[in-house]
PDB file of N, CA and C in Angstrom:
ATOM      1  N   MET A   1      41.037  25.079   8.946  1.00  0.00           N
ATOM      2  CA  MET A   1      40.277  23.984   8.358  1.00  0.00           C
ATOM      3  C   MET A   1      38.877  24.486   7.979  1.00  0.00           C
ATOM      4  N   ALA A   2      38.413  24.105   6.808  1.00  0.00           N
ATOM      5  CA  ALA A   2      37.110  24.554   6.312  1.00  0.00           C
ATOM      6  C   ALA A   2      35.983  23.854   7.064  1.00  0.00           C
ATOM      7  N   ASN A   3      34.837  24.527   7.098  1.00  0.00           N
ATOM      8  CA  ASN A   3      33.652  23.921   7.714  1.00  0.00           C
ATOM      9  C   ASN A   3      33.244  22.681   6.926  1.00  0.00           C
ATOM     10  N   THR A   4      32.878  21.647   7.651  1.00  0.00           N
ATOM     11  CA  THR A   4      32.433  20.426   6.984  1.00  0.00           C
ATOM     12  C   THR A   4      30.918  20.369   6.872  1.00  0.00           C
ATOM     13  N   ARG A   5      30.228  21.234   7.632  1.00  0.00           N
ATOM     14  CA  ARG A   5      28.773  21.318   7.542  1.00  0.00           C
ATOM     15  C   ARG A   5      28.332  22.621   8.181  1.00  0.00           C
ATOM     16  N   TYR A   6      27.069  22.989   7.923  1.00  0.00           N
ATOM     17  CA  TYR A   6      26.520  24.182   8.556  1.00  0.00           C
ATOM     18  C   TYR A   6      26.154  23.879  10.002  1.00  0.00           C
ATOM     19  N   SER A   7      26.207  24.923  10.835  1.00  0.00           N
ATOM     20  CA  SER A   7      25.882  24.769  12.263  1.00  0.00           C
ATOM     21  C   SER A   7      24.391  24.476  12.423  1.00  0.00           C
ATOM     22  N   ASP A   8      24.039  23.986  13.594  1.00  0.00           N
ATOM     23  CA  ASP A   8      22.638  23.701  13.889  1.00  0.00           C
ATOM     24  C   ASP A   8      21.778  24.954  13.761  1.00  0.00           C
ATOM     25  N   SER A   9      22.306  26.106  14.167  1.00  0.00           N
ATOM     26  CA  SER A   9      21.526  27.353  14.057  1.00  0.00           C
ATOM     27  C   SER A   9      21.346  27.746  12.591  1.00  0.00           C
ATOM     28  N   ASP A  10      22.372  27.527  11.767  1.00  0.00           N
ATOM     29  CA  ASP A  10      22.232  27.776  10.328  1.00  0.00           C
ATOM     30  C   ASP A  10      21.195  26.833   9.724  1.00  0.00           C
ATOM     31  N   LEU A  11      21.268  25.572  10.095  1.00  0.00           N
ATOM     32  CA  LEU A  11      20.320  24.588   9.570  1.00  0.00           C
ATOM     33  C   LEU A  11      18.892  24.936   9.984  1.00  0.00           C
ATOM     34  N   LYS A  12      18.720  25.454  11.200  1.00  0.00           N
ATOM     35  CA  LYS A  12      17.393  25.868  11.668  1.00  0.00           C
ATOM     36  C   LYS A  12      16.875  27.023  10.822  1.00  0.00           C
ATOM     37  N   GLU A  13      17.751  27.963  10.495  1.00  0.00           N
ATOM     38  CA  GLU A  13      17.363  29.086   9.634  1.00  0.00           C
ATOM     39  C   GLU A  13      16.894  28.565   8.271  1.00  0.00           C
ATOM     40  N   PHE A  14      17.669  27.656   7.676  1.00  0.00           N
ATOM     41  CA  PHE A  14      17.310  27.091   6.378  1.00  0.00           C
ATOM     42  C   PHE A  14      15.999  26.302   6.474  1.00  0.00           C
ATOM     43  N   GLU A  15      15.838  25.578   7.559  1.00  0.00           N
ATOM     44  CA  GLU A  15      14.621  24.793   7.750  1.00  0.00           C
ATOM     45  C   GLU A  15      13.387  25.700   7.790  1.00  0.00           C
ATOM     46  N   ASP A  16      13.485  26.811   8.512  1.00  0.00           N
ATOM     47  CA  ASP A  16      12.366  27.752   8.591  1.00  0.00           C
ATOM     48  C   ASP A  16      12.045  28.335   7.217  1.00  0.00           C
ATOM     49  N   LEU A  17      13.092  28.691   6.469  1.00  0.00           N
ATOM     50  CA  LEU A  17      12.886  29.230   5.117  1.00  0.00           C
ATOM     51  C   LEU A  17      12.215  28.200   4.213  1.00  0.00           C
ATOM     52  N   ILE A  18      12.663  26.961   4.307  1.00  0.00           N
ATOM     53  CA  ILE A  18      12.125  25.905   3.449  1.00  0.00           C
ATOM     54  C   ILE A  18      10.677  25.603   3.822  1.00  0.00           C
ATOM     55  N   HIS A  19      10.367  25.601   5.109  1.00  0.00           N
ATOM     56  CA  HIS A  19       8.974  25.373   5.520  1.00  0.00           C
ATOM     57  C   HIS A  19       8.058  26.465   4.958  1.00  0.00           C
ATOM     58  N   ALA A  20       8.526  27.705   4.968  1.00  0.00           N
ATOM     59  CA  ALA A  20       7.720  28.809   4.410  1.00  0.00           C
ATOM     60  C   ALA A  20       7.540  28.624   2.906  1.00  0.00           C
ATOM     61  N   LYS A  21       8.626  28.265   2.204  1.00  0.00           N
ATOM     62  CA  LYS A  21       8.530  28.024   0.757  1.00  0.00           C
ATOM     63  C   LYS A  21       7.629  26.831   0.463  1.00  0.00           C
ATOM     64  N   LEU A  22       7.714  25.811   1.294  1.00  0.00           N
ATOM     65  CA  LEU A  22       6.907  24.606   1.108  1.00  0.00           C
ATOM     66  C   LEU A  22       5.423  24.916   1.296  1.00  0.00           C
ATOM     67  N   LYS A  23       5.101  25.724   2.285  1.00  0.00           N
ATOM     68  CA  LYS A  23       3.705  26.103   2.518  1.00  0.00           C
ATOM     69  C   LYS A  23       3.149  26.832   1.295  1.00  0.00           C
ATOM     70  N   GLN A  24       3.914  27.789   0.769  1.00  0.00           N
ATOM     71  CA  GLN A  24       3.465  28.533  -0.404  1.00  0.00           C
ATOM     72  C   GLN A  24       3.390  27.627  -1.630  1.00  0.00           C
ATOM     73  N   ALA A  25       4.379  26.751  -1.801  1.00  0.00           N
ATOM     74  CA  ALA A  25       4.409  25.850  -2.957  1.00  0.00           C
ATOM     75  C   ALA A  25       3.215  24.903  -2.947  1.00  0.00           C
ATOM     76  N   ARG A  26       2.873  24.386  -1.779  1.00  0.00           N
ATOM     77  CA  ARG A  26       1.709  23.487  -1.679  1.00  0.00           C
ATOM     78  C   ARG A  26       0.412  24.230  -1.973  1.00  0.00           C
ATOM     79  N   SER A  27       0.316  25.464  -1.508  1.00  0.00           N
ATOM     80  CA  SER A  27      -0.865  26.279  -1.780  1.00  0.00           C
ATOM     81  C   SER A  27      -0.994  26.533  -3.283  1.00  0.00           C
ATOM     82  N   ASP A  28       0.119  26.881  -3.923  1.00  0.00           N
ATOM     83  CA  ASP A  28       0.113  27.111  -5.366  1.00  0.00           C
ATOM     84  C   ASP A  28      -0.256  25.837  -6.120  1.00  0.00           C
ATOM     85  N   PHE A  29       0.290  24.704  -5.682  1.00  0.00           N
ATOM     86  CA  PHE A  29      -0.008  23.422  -6.331  1.00  0.00           C
ATOM     87  C   PHE A  29      -1.496  23.083  -6.196  1.00  0.00           C
ATOM     88  N   ASP A  30      -2.049  23.283  -5.009  1.00  0.00           N
ATOM     89  CA  ASP A  30      -3.479  23.018  -4.792  1.00  0.00           C
ATOM     90  C   ASP A  30      -4.336  23.882  -5.710  1.00  0.00           C
ATOM     91  N   GLN A  31      -3.934  25.126  -5.868  1.00  0.00           N
ATOM     92  CA  GLN A  31      -4.683  26.024  -6.747  1.00  0.00           C
ATOM     93  C   GLN A  31      -4.604  25.544  -8.197  1.00  0.00           C
ATOM     94  N   LEU A  32      -3.435  25.100  -8.630  1.00  0.00           N
ATOM     95  CA  LEU A  32      -3.293  24.564  -9.989  1.00  0.00           C
ATOM     96  C   LEU A  32      -4.142  23.312 -10.172  1.00  0.00           C
ATOM     97  N   GLN A  33      -4.139  22.442  -9.166  1.00  0.00           N
ATOM     98  CA  GLN A  33      -4.948  21.224  -9.238  1.00  0.00           C
ATOM     99  C   GLN A  33      -6.435  21.553  -9.327  1.00  0.00           C
ATOM    100  N   ARG A  34      -6.872  22.522  -8.528  1.00  0.00           N
ATOM    101  CA  ARG A  34      -8.279  22.930  -8.588  1.00  0.00           C
ATOM    102  C   ARG A  34      -8.615  23.497  -9.954  1.00  0.00           C
ATOM    103  N   SER A  35      -7.692  24.251 -10.506  1.00  0.00           N
ATOM    104  CA  SER A  35      -7.901  24.835 -11.826  1.00  0.00           C
ATOM    105  C   SER A  35      -8.036  23.743 -12.888  1.00  0.00           C
ATOM    106  N   LEU A  36      -7.252  22.686 -12.751  1.00  0.00           N
ATOM    107  CA  LEU A  36      -7.327  21.581 -13.713  1.00  0.00           C
ATOM    108  C   LEU A  36      -8.619  20.796 -13.582  1.00  0.00           C
ATOM    109  N   SER A  37      -9.125  20.658 -12.388  1.00  0.00           N
ATOM    110  CA  SER A  37     -10.325  19.846 -12.187  1.00  0.00           C
ATOM    111  C   SER A  37     -11.607  20.656 -12.313  1.00  0.00           C
ATOM    112  N   TYR A  38     -11.479  21.962 -12.403  1.00  0.00           N
ATOM    113  CA  TYR A  38     -12.652  22.831 -12.475  1.00  0.00           C
ATOM    114  C   TYR A  38     -13.345  22.695 -13.826  1.00  0.00           C
ATOM    115  N   GLU A  39     -14.599  22.441 -13.786  1.00  0.00           N
ATOM    116  CA  GLU A  39     -15.406  22.373 -15.009  1.00  0.00           C
ATOM    117  C   GLU A  39     -15.971  23.760 -15.267  1.00  0.00           C
ATOM    118  N   ASP A  40     -15.610  24.340 -16.390  1.00  0.00           N
ATOM    119  CA  ASP A  40     -16.044  25.693 -16.714  1.00  0.00           C
ATOM    120  C   ASP A  40     -17.486  25.671 -17.192  1.00  0.00           C
ATOM    121  N   ASP A  41     -18.386  26.110 -16.331  1.00  0.00           N
ATOM    122  CA  ASP A  41     -19.816  26.142 -16.664  1.00  0.00           C
ATOM    123  C   ASP A  41     -20.191  27.394 -17.450  1.00  0.00           C
ATOM    124  N   ASN A  42     -19.234  28.290 -17.648  1.00  0.00           N
ATOM    125  CA  ASN A  42     -19.551  29.549 -18.319  1.00  0.00           C
ATOM    126  C   ASN A  42     -19.112  29.569 -19.774  1.00  0.00           C
ATOM    127  N   ARG A  43     -18.991  28.427 -20.392  1.00  0.00           N
ATOM    128  CA  ARG A  43     -18.604  28.388 -21.800  1.00  0.00           C
ATOM    129  C   ARG A  43     -19.686  29.031 -22.657  1.00  0.00           C
ATOM    130  N   THR A  44     -19.235  29.636 -23.737  1.00  0.00           N
ATOM    131  CA  THR A  44     -20.177  30.221 -24.682  1.00  0.00           C
ATOM    132  C   THR A  44     -20.694  29.114 -25.577  1.00  0.00           C
ATOM    133  N   GLU A  45     -21.961  28.949 -25.588  1.00  0.00           N
ATOM    134  CA  GLU A  45     -22.569  27.910 -26.422  1.00  0.00           C
ATOM    135  C   GLU A  45     -22.932  28.505 -27.778  1.00  0.00           C
ATOM    136  N   ASP A  46     -21.908  28.780 -28.567  1.00  0.00           N
ATOM    137  CA  ASP A  46     -22.092  29.372 -29.890  1.00  0.00           C
ATOM    138  C   ASP A  46     -22.190  28.243 -30.897  1.00  0.00           C
ATOM    139  N   THR A  47     -23.071  28.401 -31.869  1.00  0.00           N
ATOM    140  CA  THR A  47     -23.245  27.339 -32.862  1.00  0.00           C
ATOM    141  C   THR A  47     -22.245  27.450 -34.002  1.00  0.00           C
ATOM    142  N   ALA A  48     -21.502  28.547 -34.107  1.00  0.00           N
ATOM    143  CA  ALA A  48     -20.526  28.696 -35.187  1.00  0.00           C
ATOM    144  C   ALA A  48     -19.362  27.751 -34.946  1.00  0.00           C
ATOM    145  N   PRO A  49     -19.112  26.803 -35.889  1.00  0.00           N
ATOM    146  CA  PRO A  49     -18.050  25.810 -35.699  1.00  0.00           C
ATOM    147  C   PRO A  49     -16.657  26.424 -35.510  1.00  0.00           C
ATOM    148  N   THR A  50     -16.345  27.519 -36.230  1.00  0.00           N
ATOM    149  CA  THR A  50     -15.021  28.140 -36.119  1.00  0.00           C
ATOM    150  C   THR A  50     -14.811  28.672 -34.712  1.00  0.00           C
ATOM    151  N   PHE A  51     -15.811  29.344 -34.174  1.00  0.00           N
ATOM    152  CA  PHE A  51     -15.708  29.879 -32.830  1.00  0.00           C
ATOM    153  C   PHE A  51     -15.525  28.752 -31.828  1.00  0.00           C
ATOM    154  N   LYS A  52     -16.271  27.683 -32.016  1.00  0.00           N
ATOM    155  CA  LYS A  52     -16.194  26.536 -31.105  1.00  0.00           C
ATOM    156  C   LYS A  52     -14.801  25.919 -31.144  1.00  0.00           C
ATOM    157  N   MET A  53     -14.211  25.789 -32.345  1.00  0.00           N
ATOM    158  CA  MET A  53     -12.868  25.213 -32.466  1.00  0.00           C
ATOM    159  C   MET A  53     -11.839  26.102 -31.781  1.00  0.00           C
ATOM    160  N   MET A  54     -11.956  27.427 -31.968  1.00  0.00           N
ATOM    161  CA  MET A  54     -11.010  28.344 -31.346  1.00  0.00           C
ATOM    162  C   MET A  54     -11.134  28.269 -29.828  1.00  0.00           C
ATOM    163  N   GLU A  55     -12.363  28.214 -29.350  1.00  0.00           N
ATOM    164  CA  GLU A  55     -12.591  28.139 -27.913  1.00  0.00           C
ATOM    165  C   GLU A  55     -11.988  26.856 -27.350  1.00  0.00           C
ATOM    166  N   ASP A  56     -12.244  25.726 -28.026  1.00  0.00           N
ATOM    167  CA  ASP A  56     -11.711  24.446 -27.567  1.00  0.00           C
ATOM    168  C   ASP A  56     -10.191  24.437 -27.597  1.00  0.00           C
ATOM    169  N   GLY A  57      -9.595  25.022 -28.647  1.00  0.00           N
ATOM    170  CA  GLY A  57      -8.141  25.064 -28.781  1.00  0.00           C
ATOM    171  C   GLY A  57      -7.489  25.854 -27.668  1.00  0.00           C
ATOM    172  N   SER A  58      -8.037  27.030 -27.366  1.00  0.00           N
ATOM    173  CA  SER A  58      -7.445  27.845 -26.310  1.00  0.00           C
ATOM    174  C   SER A  58      -7.639  27.188 -24.958  1.00  0.00           C
ATOM    175  N   ASP A  59      -8.755  26.503 -24.794  1.00  0.00           N
ATOM    176  CA  ASP A  59      -9.030  25.777 -23.554  1.00  0.00           C
ATOM    177  C   ASP A  59      -8.017  24.656 -23.359  1.00  0.00           C
ATOM    178  N   THR A  60      -7.742  23.919 -24.435  1.00  0.00           N
ATOM    179  CA  THR A  60      -6.793  22.815 -24.373  1.00  0.00           C
ATOM    180  C   THR A  60      -5.393  23.323 -24.068  1.00  0.00           C
ATOM    181  N   MET A  61      -4.975  24.386 -24.750  1.00  0.00           N
ATOM    182  CA  MET A  61      -3.648  24.941 -24.505  1.00  0.00           C
ATOM    183  C   MET A  61      -3.524  25.396 -23.059  1.00  0.00           C
ATOM    184  N   SER A  62      -4.542  26.043 -22.568  1.00  0.00           N
ATOM    185  CA  SER A  62      -4.517  26.515 -21.197  1.00  0.00           C
ATOM    186  C   SER A  62      -4.413  25.347 -20.216  1.00  0.00           C
ATOM    187  N   ARG A  63      -5.137  24.290 -20.484  1.00  0.00           N
ATOM    188  CA  ARG A  63      -5.084  23.101 -19.623  1.00  0.00           C
ATOM    189  C   ARG A  63      -3.700  22.455 -19.676  1.00  0.00           C
ATOM    190  N   GLU A  64      -3.117  22.380 -20.875  1.00  0.00           N
ATOM    191  CA  GLU A  64      -1.780  21.789 -21.013  1.00  0.00           C
ATOM    192  C   GLU A  64      -0.752  22.607 -20.261  1.00  0.00           C
ATOM    193  N   GLU A  65      -0.827  23.922 -20.390  1.00  0.00           N
ATOM    194  CA  GLU A  65       0.107  24.791 -19.674  1.00  0.00           C
ATOM    195  C   GLU A  65      -0.073  24.660 -18.162  1.00  0.00           C
ATOM    196  N   THR A  66      -1.305  24.597 -17.733  1.00  0.00           N
ATOM    197  CA  THR A  66      -1.587  24.455 -16.305  1.00  0.00           C
ATOM    198  C   THR A  66      -1.060  23.114 -15.791  1.00  0.00           C
ATOM    199  N   ALA A  67      -1.233  22.061 -16.578  1.00  0.00           N
ATOM    200  CA  ALA A  67      -0.733  20.740 -16.184  1.00  0.00           C
ATOM    201  C   ALA A  67       0.794  20.745 -16.085  1.00  0.00           C
ATOM    202  N   GLN A  68       1.462  21.425 -17.013  1.00  0.00           N
ATOM    203  CA  GLN A  68       2.927  21.524 -16.962  1.00  0.00           C
ATOM    204  C   GLN A  68       3.373  22.303 -15.732  1.00  0.00           C
ATOM    205  N   LEU A  69       2.682  23.390 -15.439  1.00  0.00           N
ATOM    206  CA  LEU A  69       3.002  24.163 -14.236  1.00  0.00           C
ATOM    207  C   LEU A  69       2.808  23.320 -12.984  1.00  0.00           C
ATOM    208  N   ALA A  70       1.731  22.547 -12.954  1.00  0.00           N
ATOM    209  CA  ALA A  70       1.460  21.692 -11.793  1.00  0.00           C
ATOM    210  C   ALA A  70       2.556  20.645 -11.635  1.00  0.00           C
ATOM    211  N   ALA A  71       3.017  20.062 -12.744  1.00  0.00           N
ATOM    212  CA  ALA A  71       4.080  19.050 -12.680  1.00  0.00           C
ATOM    213  C   ALA A  71       5.379  19.666 -12.162  1.00  0.00           C
ATOM    214  N   ARG A  72       5.703  20.875 -12.638  1.00  0.00           N
ATOM    215  CA  ARG A  72       6.917  21.553 -12.156  1.00  0.00           C
ATOM    216  C   ARG A  72       6.791  21.901 -10.678  1.00  0.00           C
ATOM    217  N   GLN A  73       5.597  22.324 -10.280  1.00  0.00           N
ATOM    218  CA  GLN A  73       5.369  22.675  -8.879  1.00  0.00           C
ATOM    219  C   GLN A  73       5.503  21.439  -7.988  1.00  0.00           C
ATOM    220  N   GLN A  74       4.990  20.319  -8.462  1.00  0.00           N
ATOM    221  CA  GLN A  74       5.097  19.071  -7.700  1.00  0.00           C
ATOM    222  C   GLN A  74       6.561  18.662  -7.530  1.00  0.00           C
ATOM    223  N   LYS A  75       7.362  18.845  -8.579  1.00  0.00           N
ATOM    224  CA  LYS A  75       8.793  18.531  -8.494  1.00  0.00           C
ATOM    225  C   LYS A  75       9.490  19.473  -7.508  1.00  0.00           C
ATOM    226  N   PHE A  76       9.106  20.749  -7.524  1.00  0.00           N
ATOM    227  CA  PHE A  76       9.676  21.718  -6.593  1.00  0.00           C
ATOM    228  C   PHE A  76       9.354  21.333  -5.152  1.00  0.00           C
ATOM    229  N   ILE A  77       8.122  20.901  -4.907  1.00  0.00           N
ATOM    230  CA  ILE A  77       7.711  20.457  -3.572  1.00  0.00           C
ATOM    231  C   ILE A  77       8.551  19.266  -3.134  1.00  0.00           C
ATOM    232  N   MET A  78       8.779  18.325  -4.037  1.00  0.00           N
ATOM    233  CA  MET A  78       9.586  17.154  -3.713  1.00  0.00           C
ATOM    234  C   MET A  78      11.021  17.568  -3.365  1.00  0.00           C
ATOM    235  N   ASN A  79      11.568  18.530  -4.114  1.00  0.00           N
ATOM    236  CA  ASN A  79      12.917  19.018  -3.815  1.00  0.00           C
ATOM    237  C   ASN A  79      12.974  19.687  -2.441  1.00  0.00           C
ATOM    238  N   LEU A  80      11.930  20.441  -2.088  1.00  0.00           N
ATOM    239  CA  LEU A  80      11.892  21.074  -0.775  1.00  0.00           C
ATOM    240  C   LEU A  80      11.814  20.022   0.332  1.00  0.00           C
ATOM    241  N   GLU A  81      10.985  18.999   0.118  1.00  0.00           N
ATOM    242  CA  GLU A  81      10.870  17.929   1.119  1.00  0.00           C
ATOM    243  C   GLU A  81      12.197  17.178   1.265  1.00  0.00           C
ATOM    244  N   ASN A  82      12.891  16.955   0.154  1.00  0.00           N
ATOM    245  CA  ASN A  82      14.204  16.300   0.215  1.00  0.00           C
ATOM    246  C   ASN A  82      15.223  17.179   0.947  1.00  0.00           C
ATOM    247  N   ALA A  83      15.117  18.487   0.746  1.00  0.00           N
ATOM    248  CA  ALA A  83      16.013  19.404   1.454  1.00  0.00           C
ATOM    249  C   ALA A  83      15.788  19.310   2.960  1.00  0.00           C
ATOM    250  N   LEU A  84      14.531  19.175   3.382  1.00  0.00           N
ATOM    251  CA  LEU A  84      14.242  19.019   4.814  1.00  0.00           C
ATOM    252  C   LEU A  84      14.858  17.737   5.371  1.00  0.00           C
ATOM    253  N   LEU A  85      14.857  16.677   4.566  1.00  0.00           N
ATOM    254  CA  LEU A  85      15.504  15.430   4.999  1.00  0.00           C
ATOM    255  C   LEU A  85      17.008  15.621   5.160  1.00  0.00           C
ATOM    256  N   ARG A  86      17.613  16.362   4.235  1.00  0.00           N
ATOM    257  CA  ARG A  86      19.056  16.618   4.340  1.00  0.00           C
ATOM    258  C   ARG A  86      19.369  17.491   5.552  1.00  0.00           C
ATOM    259  N   ILE A  87      18.449  18.409   5.882  1.00  0.00           N
ATOM    260  CA  ILE A  87      18.644  19.218   7.099  1.00  0.00           C
ATOM    261  C   ILE A  87      18.612  18.302   8.314  1.00  0.00           C
ATOM    262  N   LYS A  88      17.649  17.402   8.343  1.00  0.00           N
ATOM    263  CA  LYS A  88      17.537  16.458   9.468  1.00  0.00           C
ATOM    264  C   LYS A  88      18.807  15.618   9.600  1.00  0.00           C
ATOM    265  N   ASN A  89      19.382  15.233   8.447  1.00  0.00           N
ATOM    266  CA  ASN A  89      20.612  14.429   8.445  1.00  0.00           C
ATOM    267  C   ASN A  89      21.866  15.273   8.583  1.00  0.00           C
ATOM    268  N   LYS A  90      21.684  16.601   8.647  1.00  0.00           N
ATOM    269  CA  LYS A  90      22.785  17.567   8.783  1.00  0.00           C
ATOM    270  C   LYS A  90      23.744  17.538   7.595  1.00  0.00           C
ATOM    271  N   THR A  91      23.211  17.200   6.424  1.00  0.00           N
ATOM    272  CA  THR A  91      24.026  17.220   5.209  1.00  0.00           C
ATOM    273  C   THR A  91      23.566  18.321   4.257  1.00  0.00           C
ATOM    274  N   TYR A  92      22.586  19.105   4.677  1.00  0.00           N
ATOM    275  CA  TYR A  92      22.065  20.166   3.828  1.00  0.00           C
ATOM    276  C   TYR A  92      23.120  21.237   3.605  1.00  0.00           C
ATOM    277  N   GLY A  93      23.215  21.698   2.370  1.00  0.00           N
ATOM    278  CA  GLY A  93      24.153  22.767   2.044  1.00  0.00           C
ATOM    279  C   GLY A  93      25.503  22.286   1.589  1.00  0.00           C
ATOM    280  N   LEU A  94      25.670  20.972   1.513  1.00  0.00           N
ATOM    281  CA  LEU A  94      26.924  20.410   1.011  1.00  0.00           C
ATOM    282  C   LEU A  94      26.746  20.030  -0.451  1.00  0.00           C
ATOM    283  N   CYS A  95      27.693  20.439  -1.276  1.00  0.00           N
ATOM    284  CA  CYS A  95      27.668  20.054  -2.685  1.00  0.00           C
ATOM    285  C   CYS A  95      27.897  18.555  -2.767  1.00  0.00           C
ATOM    286  N   ARG A  96      27.031  17.871  -3.475  1.00  0.00           N
ATOM    287  CA  ARG A  96      27.149  16.407  -3.590  1.00  0.00           C
ATOM    288  C   ARG A  96      28.327  15.972  -4.457  1.00  0.00           C
ATOM    289  N   VAL A  97      28.849  16.899  -5.264  1.00  0.00           N
ATOM    290  CA  VAL A  97      29.974  16.566  -6.137  1.00  0.00           C
ATOM    291  C   VAL A  97      31.305  16.842  -5.442  1.00  0.00           C
ATOM    292  N   THR A  98      31.438  18.053  -4.883  1.00  0.00           N
ATOM    293  CA  THR A  98      32.722  18.454  -4.303  1.00  0.00           C
ATOM    294  C   THR A  98      32.794  18.255  -2.794  1.00  0.00           C
ATOM    295  N   GLY A  99      31.653  18.166  -2.121  1.00  0.00           N
ATOM    296  CA  GLY A  99      31.642  18.051  -0.666  1.00  0.00           C
ATOM    297  C   GLY A  99      31.835  19.380   0.041  1.00  0.00           C
ATOM    298  N   LYS A 100      31.956  20.463  -0.732  1.00  0.00           N
ATOM    299  CA  LYS A 100      32.153  21.785  -0.138  1.00  0.00           C
ATOM    300  C   LYS A 100      30.806  22.414   0.198  1.00  0.00           C
ATOM    301  N   LEU A 101      30.849  23.378   1.127  1.00  0.00           N
ATOM    302  CA  LEU A 101      29.634  24.096   1.505  1.00  0.00           C
ATOM    303  C   LEU A 101      29.169  24.991   0.365  1.00  0.00           C
ATOM    304  N   ILE A 102      27.871  24.997   0.130  1.00  0.00           N
ATOM    305  CA  ILE A 102      27.258  25.912  -0.831  1.00  0.00           C
ATOM    306  C   ILE A 102      27.037  27.226  -0.094  1.00  0.00           C
ATOM    307  N   ALA A 103      27.245  28.336  -0.764  1.00  0.00           N
ATOM    308  CA  ALA A 103      27.121  29.657  -0.134  1.00  0.00           C
ATOM    309  C   ALA A 103      25.734  29.851   0.475  1.00  0.00           C
ATOM    310  N   LYS A 104      25.706  30.442   1.664  1.00  0.00           N
ATOM    311  CA  LYS A 104      24.437  30.691   2.355  1.00  0.00           C
ATOM    312  C   LYS A 104      23.488  31.521   1.502  1.00  0.00           C
ATOM    313  N   GLU A 105      24.035  32.512   0.800  1.00  0.00           N
ATOM    314  CA  GLU A 105      23.199  33.377  -0.030  1.00  0.00           C
ATOM    315  C   GLU A 105      22.442  32.559  -1.062  1.00  0.00           C
ATOM    316  N   ARG A 106      23.100  31.595  -1.650  1.00  0.00           N
ATOM    317  CA  ARG A 106      22.479  30.719  -2.654  1.00  0.00           C
ATOM    318  C   ARG A 106      21.390  29.863  -2.007  1.00  0.00           C
ATOM    319  N   LEU A 107      21.682  29.332  -0.831  1.00  0.00           N
ATOM    320  CA  LEU A 107      20.723  28.474  -0.136  1.00  0.00           C
ATOM    321  C   LEU A 107      19.498  29.254   0.330  1.00  0.00           C
ATOM    322  N   ARG A 108      19.685  30.527   0.655  1.00  0.00           N
ATOM    323  CA  ARG A 108      18.545  31.340   1.081  1.00  0.00           C
ATOM    324  C   ARG A 108      17.599  31.636  -0.071  1.00  0.00           C
ATOM    325  N   LEU A 109      18.133  31.706  -1.277  1.00  0.00           N
ATOM    326  CA  LEU A 109      17.301  32.007  -2.444  1.00  0.00           C
ATOM    327  C   LEU A 109      16.548  30.787  -2.945  1.00  0.00           C
ATOM    328  N   VAL A 110      17.289  29.739  -3.259  1.00  0.00           N
ATOM    329  CA  VAL A 110      16.676  28.530  -3.814  1.00  0.00           C
ATOM    330  C   VAL A 110      17.368  27.319  -3.223  1.00  0.00           C
ATOM    331  N   PRO A 111      16.636  26.495  -2.493  1.00  0.00           N
ATOM    332  CA  PRO A 111      17.252  25.275  -1.970  1.00  0.00           C
ATOM    333  C   PRO A 111      17.700  24.383  -3.121  1.00  0.00           C
ATOM    334  N   PRO A 112      18.896  23.800  -3.033  1.00  0.00           N
ATOM    335  CA  PRO A 112      19.364  22.943  -4.109  1.00  0.00           C
ATOM    336  C   PRO A 112      18.555  21.650  -4.172  1.00  0.00           C
ATOM    337  N   CYS A 113      18.344  21.174  -5.394  1.00  0.00           N
ATOM    338  CA  CYS A 113      17.672  19.879  -5.540  1.00  0.00           C
ATOM    339  C   CYS A 113      18.718  18.791  -5.397  1.00  0.00           C
ATOM    340  N   ASP A 114      18.310  17.557  -5.528  1.00  0.00           N
ATOM    341  CA  ASP A 114      19.196  16.432  -5.285  1.00  0.00           C
ATOM    342  C   ASP A 114      20.416  16.388  -6.194  1.00  0.00           C
ATOM    343  N   HIS A 115      20.294  16.854  -7.419  1.00  0.00           N
ATOM    344  CA  HIS A 115      21.404  16.672  -8.343  1.00  0.00           C
ATOM    345  C   HIS A 115      22.049  17.954  -8.819  1.00  0.00           C
ATOM    346  N   VAL A 116      21.591  19.113  -8.379  1.00  0.00           N
ATOM    347  CA  VAL A 116      22.179  20.387  -8.807  1.00  0.00           C
ATOM    348  C   VAL A 116      22.931  20.988  -7.639  1.00  0.00           C
ATOM    349  N   HIS A 117      24.105  21.494  -7.894  1.00  0.00           N
ATOM    350  CA  HIS A 117      24.887  22.133  -6.831  1.00  0.00           C
ATOM    351  C   HIS A 117      25.270  23.530  -7.207  1.00  0.00           C
TER     352      HIS A 117
END
């Protein structure tokens, strides 16, 4: 008969891995947030309109990219927190579609989110 869930020791291993990933993910997210809220006091105050437009354009693109990265990081953090809840409920590592165990190797690399198996 196939395993219906991972053992408590396996779940503890996954929990430790997820806590480490969560710590790093939160640190990265905080850094992105600080980057978004940081007011750049070192801007070049050039009077040439073309230079000013180029500077503003690159600044805007950089902010948009940073905001997108922050949004993705926030979603990743939420997926990690949800994985911890599934560990607590002892349902972590089960495919939500088939009910079969997801390979340990896969779980060690990237914890599955709520809808991907």
